């Protein structure tokens, strides 16, 4: 098989050649693995030259992965629509806090969270692919808050697409919940699950493996297990390097990524594989520290997720860790399958010394507790006059813990603080000023269905939706 960035195979060994459109519309490989490009493209350095517009950067970063799988001009049309939906001219502005410390703001989109950047693209590209094929698509996604809000905003009222969102009952912020449940769209079903995010994610993976659900058309997911979603996050790393270059910064940056399902961090790793000058990555996690324990201790072990202020990171089985293991193992599908089948069966797997060393060469990990998160929210306000939500607070603590002086350190700010006012206000003594997209939520009625966290309950709800 020809190795090409627009040809995809599974992390678990299915080598049936798959193009971008099929990876987008299917989401998960038939053998239960995740799609990966068979080769990394080389990004032309002009992509991160100073002064590049976001749409041009994103086109250069994503076009090699799309190839000829979509109608002519589909990517550029999707990018034009994406940029038009953001309230900041730079789309993802880079803000300097102090010497060698920067904040990359990713929350200027229609739901005030970084998920908008990839979700809006995925929706537009799926629309183009379905129009070309004449098919229908049902999407199912698990969310710890921001993914669901972004998906509902992006896919509501699409003519050829139905969307089913599972979120953990009472474990997302009120703003996140209302962004999902107040959208009046007959093609959207919101399911509130008795359980945590990992339960929702487990139910989604079970639904995706239920072949009977494909009888009424395509059945897929827009979680970051979907390669198109992940590819849509690559451009803002390129944009960050371009913005650093515009300010005279020529040293390669280190990115500190607040991490839940690890898709955001792996998108950065993909950018580095494409040649973007990046010194390293730090995955900043909260008390749900399965990823940190895997990287630091060599044992990937499941624990029950605990509820934290940074709810979008309350994940103990990050799906995109599988992509990292696949890449770090030298693309050894058999070894990758063994790791994750053992983890699924036993709840724990010990990583080999060689694999652990390769993982550590890609990323380090830091766990941040709740008290430290609150302290960092207070520090951001007192030191820089910045109101940050708990997720970038976790990243900022990890960033300020890094050795300084070797190059820029860029922490990702993944959501507007007003989405988490109940956690920020007690620390600062005032409510964050909401952006326009949150003010416009108003007092519209909510639509959601509460279900038990069982495969039977999830399957019944999905089969009953728009039957």
Protein backbone atom coordinates (compact mmCIF):
# COMPACT_ATOMS: atom_id res chain seq x y z
CA UNK A 1 0.00 0.00 0.00
CA UNK A 2 1.26 3.46 -0.90
CA UNK A 3 2.10 5.54 2.18
CA UNK A 4 0.26 8.84 1.89
CA UNK A 5 -1.21 11.43 4.31
CA UNK A 6 -4.62 11.13 2.60
CA UNK A 7 -4.79 7.34 3.09
CA UNK A 8 -5.78 5.98 6.50
CA UNK A 9 -5.42 2.72 8.40
CA UNK A 10 -6.45 1.55 11.85
CA UNK A 11 -4.29 1.67 14.96
CA UNK A 12 -5.31 -1.96 15.56
CA UNK A 13 -4.23 -3.46 12.28
CA UNK A 14 -6.98 -3.07 9.68
CA UNK A 15 -5.01 -1.93 6.64
CA UNK A 16 -7.98 -1.50 4.29
CA UNK A 17 -7.10 1.76 2.53
CA UNK A 18 -9.50 4.51 3.65
CA UNK A 19 -9.71 8.09 2.38
CA UNK A 20 -10.49 11.25 4.33
CA UNK A 21 -14.21 11.24 3.53
CA UNK A 22 -14.62 7.66 4.76
CA UNK A 23 -12.59 8.35 7.92
CA UNK A 24 -14.74 11.45 8.54
CA UNK A 25 -18.08 9.72 8.00
CA UNK A 26 -17.20 6.45 9.73
CA UNK A 27 -15.26 7.90 12.67
CA UNK A 28 -13.96 4.64 14.10
CA UNK A 29 -12.26 1.83 12.20
CA UNK A 30 -14.24 -1.45 11.85
CA UNK A 31 -11.76 -3.31 14.07
CA UNK A 32 -12.30 -0.89 16.97
CA UNK A 33 -9.14 1.11 16.33
CA UNK A 34 -8.68 4.76 15.42
CA UNK A 35 -7.81 6.00 11.96
CA UNK A 36 -4.33 7.35 11.35
CA UNK A 37 -2.75 8.71 8.15
CA UNK A 38 -0.26 6.26 6.65
CA UNK A 39 2.34 9.04 6.38
CA UNK A 40 2.92 12.49 7.83
CA UNK A 41 2.98 15.29 5.26
CA UNK A 42 5.73 17.91 5.30
CA UNK A 43 4.49 21.40 6.05
CA UNK A 44 6.11 24.18 4.03
CA UNK A 45 7.77 26.70 6.39
CA UNK A 46 5.84 29.47 4.63
CA UNK A 47 2.79 28.23 6.58
CA UNK A 48 4.17 29.67 9.81
CA UNK A 49 5.71 32.80 8.32
CA UNK A 50 4.65 36.03 10.06
CA UNK A 51 1.42 37.59 8.86
CA UNK A 52 -0.36 34.47 7.62
CA UNK A 53 -4.16 34.54 7.90
CA UNK A 54 -5.74 31.68 9.84
CA UNK A 55 -7.64 30.30 6.83
CA UNK A 56 -4.46 30.13 4.76
CA UNK A 57 -2.59 28.41 7.60
CA UNK A 58 -5.37 25.89 8.08
CA UNK A 59 -5.62 25.15 4.38
CA UNK A 60 -1.89 24.43 4.17
CA UNK A 61 -2.03 22.22 7.29
CA UNK A 62 -5.14 20.23 6.38
CA UNK A 63 -5.15 19.91 2.57
CA UNK A 64 -2.64 17.02 2.51
CA UNK A 65 -4.94 14.96 4.76
CA UNK A 66 -8.01 15.64 2.62
CA UNK A 67 -6.47 14.90 -0.77
CA UNK A 68 -9.13 14.42 -3.45
CA UNK A 69 -11.71 12.83 -1.16
CA UNK A 70 -14.10 15.83 -1.09
CA UNK A 71 -15.62 18.05 -3.81
CA UNK A 72 -13.32 20.72 -5.21
CA UNK A 73 -13.10 23.74 -2.92
CA UNK A 74 -14.80 22.00 0.04
CA UNK A 75 -11.98 22.71 2.47
CA UNK A 76 -11.67 26.37 1.53
CA UNK A 77 -15.44 26.87 1.77
CA UNK A 78 -15.44 25.25 5.22
CA UNK A 79 -12.56 27.44 6.39
CA UNK A 80 -14.23 30.62 5.17
CA UNK A 81 -17.35 29.72 7.14
CA UNK A 82 -15.26 28.86 10.20
CA UNK A 83 -13.40 32.18 10.27
CA UNK A 84 -16.63 34.13 9.76
CA UNK A 85 -18.04 32.59 12.95
CA UNK A 86 -15.25 33.84 15.23
CA UNK A 87 -15.34 37.14 17.09
CA UNK A 88 -11.58 37.83 16.95
CA UNK A 89 -9.80 38.80 13.70
CA UNK A 90 -6.86 36.53 14.54
CA UNK A 91 -9.26 33.63 15.32
CA UNK A 92 -6.79 32.19 17.89
CA UNK A 93 -4.87 35.19 19.30
CA UNK A 94 -1.63 34.72 21.24
CA UNK A 95 -1.30 36.86 24.38
CA UNK A 96 2.01 37.43 26.20
CA UNK A 97 1.76 37.24 29.99
CA UNK A 98 5.42 37.71 30.90
CA UNK A 99 8.89 36.86 29.57
CA UNK A 100 8.70 33.51 27.77
CA UNK A 101 5.12 32.81 28.92
CA UNK A 102 2.18 33.08 26.55
CA UNK A 103 -1.51 32.18 26.45
CA UNK A 104 -3.13 30.92 23.23
CA UNK A 105 -6.80 31.94 23.30
CA UNK A 106 -8.99 29.36 21.58
CA UNK A 107 -12.41 30.48 22.84
CA UNK A 108 -13.57 33.18 20.44
CA UNK A 109 -15.98 30.93 18.52
CA UNK A 110 -19.74 30.34 18.66
CA UNK A 111 -19.71 28.30 21.91
CA UNK A 112 -16.71 30.05 23.54
CA UNK A 113 -14.52 26.92 23.57
CA UNK A 114 -11.68 25.47 21.52
CA UNK A 115 -13.90 22.65 20.27
CA UNK A 116 -15.50 25.11 17.83
CA UNK A 117 -12.37 25.22 15.71
CA UNK A 118 -12.55 21.57 14.69
CA UNK A 119 -16.29 20.99 15.06
CA UNK A 120 -17.35 23.73 12.68
CA UNK A 121 -14.95 22.30 10.09
CA UNK A 122 -16.16 18.75 10.62
CA UNK A 123 -19.78 19.82 10.15
CA UNK A 124 -19.09 21.68 6.91
CA UNK A 125 -16.91 18.90 5.49
CA UNK A 126 -19.43 16.20 6.42
CA UNK A 127 -22.15 18.23 4.71
CA UNK A 128 -20.05 18.36 1.54
CA UNK A 129 -19.27 14.64 1.64
CA UNK A 130 -22.91 13.64 2.19
CA UNK A 131 -24.18 15.95 -0.54
CA UNK A 132 -21.74 14.30 -2.94
CA UNK A 133 -22.72 10.75 -1.94
CA UNK A 134 -26.45 11.28 -1.34
CA UNK A 135 -26.22 9.50 2.04
CA UNK A 136 -27.56 10.25 5.52
CA UNK A 137 -25.47 10.26 8.69
CA UNK A 138 -26.28 9.74 12.35
CA UNK A 139 -23.62 11.05 14.71
CA UNK A 140 -23.20 10.03 18.34
CA UNK A 141 -20.78 11.75 20.67
CA UNK A 142 -19.81 11.69 24.33
CA UNK A 143 -19.02 14.98 26.00
CA UNK A 144 -17.71 16.31 29.26
CA UNK A 145 -19.20 19.65 28.22
CA UNK A 146 -17.51 21.57 25.42
CA UNK A 147 -17.58 18.91 22.69
CA UNK A 148 -21.34 18.52 22.98
CA UNK A 149 -22.00 22.25 22.96
CA UNK A 150 -19.81 22.73 19.89
CA UNK A 151 -21.38 19.73 18.11
CA UNK A 152 -24.94 20.91 18.72
CA UNK A 153 -24.07 24.39 17.46
CA UNK A 154 -22.32 23.01 14.38
CA UNK A 155 -24.75 20.25 13.35
CA UNK A 156 -28.15 21.63 14.40
CA UNK A 157 -30.72 21.53 11.58
CA UNK A 158 -28.37 19.88 9.08
CA UNK A 159 -30.61 18.26 6.49
CA UNK A 160 -28.68 15.00 6.12
CA UNK A 161 -27.36 14.60 9.68
CA UNK A 162 -28.86 13.53 13.02
CA UNK A 163 -26.86 14.18 16.21
CA UNK A 164 -27.04 12.32 19.52
CA UNK A 165 -25.04 13.76 22.44
CA UNK A 166 -24.39 11.89 25.70
CA UNK A 167 -23.28 13.95 28.68
CA UNK A 168 -22.86 12.93 32.35
CA UNK A 169 -25.87 14.10 34.33
CA UNK A 170 -25.02 17.04 36.65
CA UNK A 171 -21.32 16.83 35.70
CA UNK A 172 -21.11 19.62 33.15
CA UNK A 173 -21.31 23.32 33.91
CA UNK A 174 -24.76 24.97 33.66
CA UNK A 175 -23.61 27.05 30.68
CA UNK A 176 -22.23 23.98 28.89
CA UNK A 177 -25.49 22.11 29.50
CA UNK A 178 -27.67 24.98 28.29
CA UNK A 179 -25.56 25.40 25.15
CA UNK A 180 -26.54 21.82 24.30
CA UNK A 181 -30.11 21.66 25.50
CA UNK A 182 -31.61 25.02 24.51
CA UNK A 183 -30.96 24.64 20.78
CA UNK A 184 -34.29 24.07 19.03
CA UNK A 185 -33.38 21.45 16.44
CA UNK A 186 -35.34 18.29 15.68
CA UNK A 187 -32.20 16.52 14.47
CA UNK A 188 -30.54 16.74 17.92
CA UNK A 189 -31.09 14.37 20.86
CA UNK A 190 -29.47 15.23 24.21
CA UNK A 191 -29.02 12.25 26.56
CA UNK A 192 -28.07 12.94 30.18
CA UNK A 193 -26.43 9.78 31.54
CA UNK A 194 -26.33 8.61 35.15
CA UNK A 195 -22.53 8.26 35.37
CA UNK A 196 -19.33 10.05 34.43
CA UNK A 197 -17.73 10.99 31.10
CA UNK A 198 -15.90 7.67 30.81
CA UNK A 199 -19.29 5.93 31.08
CA UNK A 200 -20.59 8.13 28.25
CA UNK A 201 -17.53 7.38 26.16
CA UNK A 202 -17.90 3.65 26.81
CA UNK A 203 -21.55 3.79 25.69
CA UNK A 204 -20.60 5.64 22.51
CA UNK A 205 -17.96 3.05 21.61
CA UNK A 206 -20.54 0.32 22.18
CA UNK A 207 -23.06 2.09 19.95
CA UNK A 208 -20.46 2.52 17.22
CA UNK A 209 -19.85 -1.22 17.21
CA UNK A 210 -23.60 -1.97 16.90
CA UNK A 211 -23.87 -2.75 13.19
CA UNK A 212 -27.69 -2.81 13.25
CA UNK A 213 -27.67 0.96 13.77
CA UNK A 214 -26.14 1.39 10.31
CA UNK A 215 -29.29 0.06 8.64
CA UNK A 216 -30.79 3.55 8.25
CA UNK A 217 -27.57 5.11 6.97
CA UNK A 218 -24.08 5.91 8.11
CA UNK A 219 -23.42 5.88 11.85
CA UNK A 220 -20.37 7.66 13.24
CA UNK A 221 -18.93 9.92 15.95
CA UNK A 222 -17.54 13.43 16.17
CA UNK A 223 -15.54 12.91 19.32
CA UNK A 224 -11.81 13.42 18.82
CA UNK A 225 -11.63 9.72 17.93
CA UNK A 226 -12.66 11.10 14.53
CA UNK A 227 -9.52 11.97 12.58
CA UNK A 228 -11.19 14.93 10.86
CA UNK A 229 -11.89 16.49 14.26
CA UNK A 230 -8.31 16.04 15.33
CA UNK A 231 -6.91 17.35 12.03
CA UNK A 232 -8.96 20.50 12.50
CA UNK A 233 -6.98 21.25 15.66
CA UNK A 234 -3.56 21.15 13.98
CA UNK A 235 -3.81 24.66 12.45
CA UNK A 236 -3.85 26.63 15.69
CA UNK A 237 -0.44 25.26 16.65
CA UNK A 238 0.87 26.50 13.31
CA UNK A 239 -0.86 29.84 13.88
CA UNK A 240 0.76 30.14 17.33
CA UNK A 241 4.25 29.64 15.86
CA UNK A 242 3.46 32.19 13.14
CA UNK A 243 2.32 34.71 15.76
CA UNK A 244 5.47 34.12 17.80
CA UNK A 245 7.55 34.70 14.67
CA UNK A 246 5.68 37.95 14.05
CA UNK A 247 6.80 39.12 17.49
CA UNK A 248 10.44 38.23 16.87
CA UNK A 249 10.43 34.88 18.68
CA UNK A 250 12.58 32.44 16.71
CA UNK A 251 13.11 29.74 19.35
CA UNK A 252 10.88 26.67 19.21
CA UNK A 253 8.06 26.84 21.78
CA UNK A 254 6.90 24.31 24.34
CA UNK A 255 3.14 23.86 24.42
CA UNK A 256 1.32 23.11 27.67
CA UNK A 257 -2.04 21.55 26.93
CA UNK A 258 -4.88 21.10 29.45
CA UNK A 259 -5.79 17.53 28.65
CA UNK A 260 -8.88 15.37 28.88
CA UNK A 261 -9.26 13.00 25.93
CA UNK A 262 -5.75 13.89 24.62
CA UNK A 263 -6.99 14.87 21.14
CA UNK A 264 -5.85 18.48 21.55
CA UNK A 265 -2.36 17.40 22.57
CA UNK A 266 -2.06 14.79 19.84
CA UNK A 267 -2.99 17.40 17.23
CA UNK A 268 0.08 19.33 18.37
CA UNK A 269 2.21 16.21 18.15
CA UNK A 270 0.92 15.72 14.60
CA UNK A 271 1.95 19.30 13.77
CA UNK A 272 5.46 18.56 15.03
CA UNK A 273 5.56 15.39 12.90
CA UNK A 274 4.77 17.64 9.94
CA UNK A 275 7.87 19.72 10.65
CA UNK A 276 6.49 22.56 12.76
CA UNK A 277 9.31 23.71 15.10
CA UNK A 278 8.11 22.68 18.56
CA UNK A 279 10.44 21.97 21.49
CA UNK A 280 8.04 19.76 23.40
CA UNK A 281 4.63 19.12 24.91
CA UNK A 282 3.36 19.02 28.47
CA UNK A 283 0.01 17.36 29.10
CA UNK A 284 -1.55 19.11 32.10
CA UNK A 285 -4.25 17.00 33.75
CA UNK A 286 -6.37 17.50 36.84
CA UNK A 287 -6.89 14.93 39.59
CA UNK A 288 -8.15 12.51 36.95
CA UNK A 289 -4.58 11.55 36.26
CA UNK A 290 -4.60 8.25 34.34
CA UNK A 291 -2.52 9.79 31.55
CA UNK A 292 0.01 11.31 33.95
CA UNK A 293 0.36 8.02 35.82
CA UNK A 294 0.91 6.20 32.52
CA UNK A 295 3.63 8.61 31.39
CA UNK A 296 5.29 9.04 34.80
CA UNK A 297 4.88 5.56 36.32
CA UNK A 298 4.53 3.29 33.30
CA UNK A 299 1.17 1.85 34.35
CA UNK A 300 -1.99 2.79 32.49
CA UNK A 301 -4.75 2.04 35.01
CA UNK A 302 -8.40 2.96 35.19
CA UNK A 303 -9.88 4.66 38.24
CA UNK A 304 -13.33 6.13 38.74
CA UNK A 305 -13.37 9.72 37.52
CA UNK A 306 -13.75 12.33 40.25
CA UNK A 307 -15.63 15.57 39.70
CA UNK A 308 -13.43 18.68 39.48
CA UNK A 309 -13.82 22.32 38.53
CA UNK A 310 -12.10 21.56 35.20
CA UNK A 311 -14.95 19.22 34.24
CA UNK A 312 -13.93 18.85 30.59
CA UNK A 313 -10.80 17.06 31.80
CA UNK A 314 -12.59 14.59 34.07
CA UNK A 315 -11.39 11.67 31.95
CA UNK A 316 -9.68 8.47 33.12
CA UNK A 317 -9.55 6.64 29.78
CA UNK A 318 -8.39 9.19 27.17
CA UNK A 319 -9.20 7.75 23.74
CA UNK A 320 -6.41 9.48 21.86
CA UNK A 321 -3.78 7.90 24.06
CA UNK A 322 -4.19 5.01 21.62
CA UNK A 323 -2.93 7.17 18.75
CA UNK A 324 0.09 8.17 20.84
CA UNK A 325 0.87 4.55 21.70
CA UNK A 326 0.56 3.57 18.03
CA UNK A 327 2.95 6.31 16.93
CA UNK A 328 5.41 5.80 19.80
CA UNK A 329 5.54 2.04 19.20
CA UNK A 330 6.73 2.58 15.65
CA UNK A 331 3.19 2.11 14.33
CA UNK A 332 3.04 -1.41 15.71
CA UNK A 333 -0.67 -2.23 15.43
CA UNK A 334 -0.32 -5.59 17.16
CA UNK A 335 1.37 -4.02 20.19
CA UNK A 336 -1.20 -1.20 20.27
CA UNK A 337 -4.09 -3.66 20.15
CA UNK A 338 -2.53 -5.66 22.99
CA UNK A 339 -2.19 -2.58 25.22
CA UNK A 340 -5.78 -1.44 24.83
CA UNK A 341 -7.42 -4.85 24.84
CA UNK A 342 -5.59 -5.59 28.10
CA UNK A 343 -6.66 -2.23 29.50
CA UNK A 344 -10.29 -2.85 28.47
CA UNK A 345 -10.27 -6.33 29.99
CA UNK A 346 -8.26 -5.79 33.18
CA UNK A 347 -8.50 -2.06 33.78
CA UNK A 348 -4.71 -1.84 33.94
CA UNK A 349 -1.72 -2.50 31.72
CA UNK A 350 2.02 -2.10 32.36
CA UNK A 351 3.85 -0.40 29.51
CA UNK A 352 7.09 -1.91 28.27
CA UNK A 353 10.30 0.04 29.02
CA UNK A 354 10.87 0.70 25.31
CA UNK A 355 7.33 1.97 24.77
CA UNK A 356 7.47 4.11 27.91
CA UNK A 357 10.72 5.74 26.78
CA UNK A 358 9.19 6.50 23.38
CA UNK A 359 6.09 7.99 24.98
CA UNK A 360 8.19 10.23 27.21
CA UNK A 361 10.08 11.45 24.16
CA UNK A 362 6.76 12.76 22.79
CA UNK A 363 5.17 14.30 25.89
CA UNK A 364 5.57 14.84 29.62
CA UNK A 365 2.65 15.04 32.03
CA UNK A 366 1.76 17.00 35.16
CA UNK A 367 -1.23 16.49 37.47
CA UNK A 368 -2.71 19.55 39.22
CA UNK A 369 -5.06 19.33 42.21
CA UNK A 370 -8.12 21.46 42.96
CA UNK A 371 -6.51 23.75 45.54
CA UNK A 372 -3.67 24.55 43.14
CA UNK A 373 -6.17 25.22 40.36
CA UNK A 374 -7.95 27.81 42.50
CA UNK A 375 -4.63 29.38 43.46
CA UNK A 376 -3.72 29.68 39.78
CA UNK A 377 -7.03 31.37 38.93
CA UNK A 378 -6.25 33.94 41.64
CA UNK A 379 -2.67 34.36 40.42
CA UNK A 380 -3.74 34.97 36.82
CA UNK A 381 -5.95 37.84 37.98
CA UNK A 382 -3.50 39.40 40.43
CA UNK A 383 -0.40 39.04 38.24
CA UNK A 384 -1.77 39.71 34.74
CA UNK A 385 -5.35 40.91 35.12
CA UNK A 386 -6.56 37.81 33.30
CA UNK A 387 -9.76 36.00 34.23
CA UNK A 388 -9.23 32.34 33.35
CA UNK A 389 -11.40 29.27 33.73
CA UNK A 390 -10.15 26.18 35.61
CA UNK A 391 -8.85 24.44 32.46
CA UNK A 392 -6.19 27.02 31.44
CA UNK A 393 -5.50 27.46 35.17
CA UNK A 394 -4.33 23.84 35.24
CA UNK A 395 -2.19 24.51 32.17
CA UNK A 396 -0.77 27.75 33.57
CA UNK A 397 0.35 26.05 36.77
CA UNK A 398 2.12 23.37 34.74
CA UNK A 399 3.60 26.04 32.46
CA UNK A 400 4.95 28.12 35.35
CA UNK A 401 6.52 24.94 36.77
CA UNK A 402 8.66 24.47 33.65
CA UNK A 403 12.29 25.55 33.45
CA UNK A 404 12.38 29.00 31.88
CA UNK A 405 14.86 30.59 29.53
CA UNK A 406 15.07 27.96 26.78
CA UNK A 407 12.20 29.26 24.66
CA UNK A 408 8.60 30.41 24.71
CA UNK A 409 6.15 28.41 26.81
CA UNK A 410 2.62 28.55 25.42
CA UNK A 411 -0.34 27.46 27.57
CA UNK A 412 -3.60 26.76 25.78
CA UNK A 413 -6.69 28.64 27.00
CA UNK A 414 -9.46 26.31 25.93
CA UNK A 415 -12.67 27.97 27.17
CA UNK A 416 -14.00 31.35 28.25
CA UNK A 417 -14.13 31.79 32.02
CA UNK A 418 -17.82 32.69 31.91
CA UNK A 419 -18.63 29.07 31.04
CA UNK A 420 -17.39 28.17 34.54
CA UNK A 421 -18.51 31.17 36.57
CA UNK A 422 -19.60 29.03 39.53
CA UNK A 423 -15.97 27.96 40.00
CA UNK A 424 -14.27 31.24 39.11
CA UNK A 425 -16.49 33.69 41.01
CA UNK A 426 -15.80 32.28 44.51
CA UNK A 427 -12.06 32.69 43.90
CA UNK A 428 -12.12 36.19 42.44
CA UNK A 429 -15.18 37.61 44.19
CA UNK A 430 -16.98 38.53 40.96
CA UNK A 431 -18.62 36.80 38.00
CA UNK A 432 -16.66 36.69 34.74
CA UNK A 433 -18.09 39.02 32.12
CA UNK A 434 -19.83 36.73 29.59
CA UNK A 435 -19.10 37.04 25.88
CA UNK A 436 -21.87 37.69 23.38
CA UNK A 437 -22.44 34.00 22.58
CA UNK A 438 -23.21 33.23 26.24
CA UNK A 439 -25.36 36.33 26.81
CA UNK A 440 -27.50 35.26 23.86
CA UNK A 441 -28.44 31.97 25.55
CA UNK A 442 -31.17 33.81 27.43
CA UNK A 443 -33.81 31.73 29.22
CA UNK A 444 -34.86 29.37 26.44
CA UNK A 445 -36.38 26.03 27.55
CA UNK A 446 -34.15 22.96 27.71
CA UNK A 447 -34.68 19.64 25.93
CA UNK A 448 -32.95 16.51 27.26
CA UNK A 449 -33.64 12.86 28.11
CA UNK A 450 -32.20 11.24 31.24
CA UNK A 451 -31.07 7.61 30.89
CA UNK A 452 -29.27 5.01 32.96
CA UNK A 453 -25.61 4.41 32.09
CA UNK A 454 -26.24 0.99 30.53
CA UNK A 455 -25.73 -0.20 26.94
CA UNK A 456 -29.37 -1.28 26.81
CA UNK A 457 -30.66 2.16 27.80
CA UNK A 458 -28.39 3.94 25.33
CA UNK A 459 -29.31 1.59 22.47
CA UNK A 460 -33.04 1.97 23.16
CA UNK A 461 -32.78 5.78 23.17
CA UNK A 462 -30.85 5.85 19.91
CA UNK A 463 -33.20 3.41 18.18
CA UNK A 464 -36.18 5.46 19.29
CA UNK A 465 -34.80 8.78 18.01
CA UNK A 466 -36.37 9.82 14.69
CA UNK A 467 -37.27 6.17 14.04
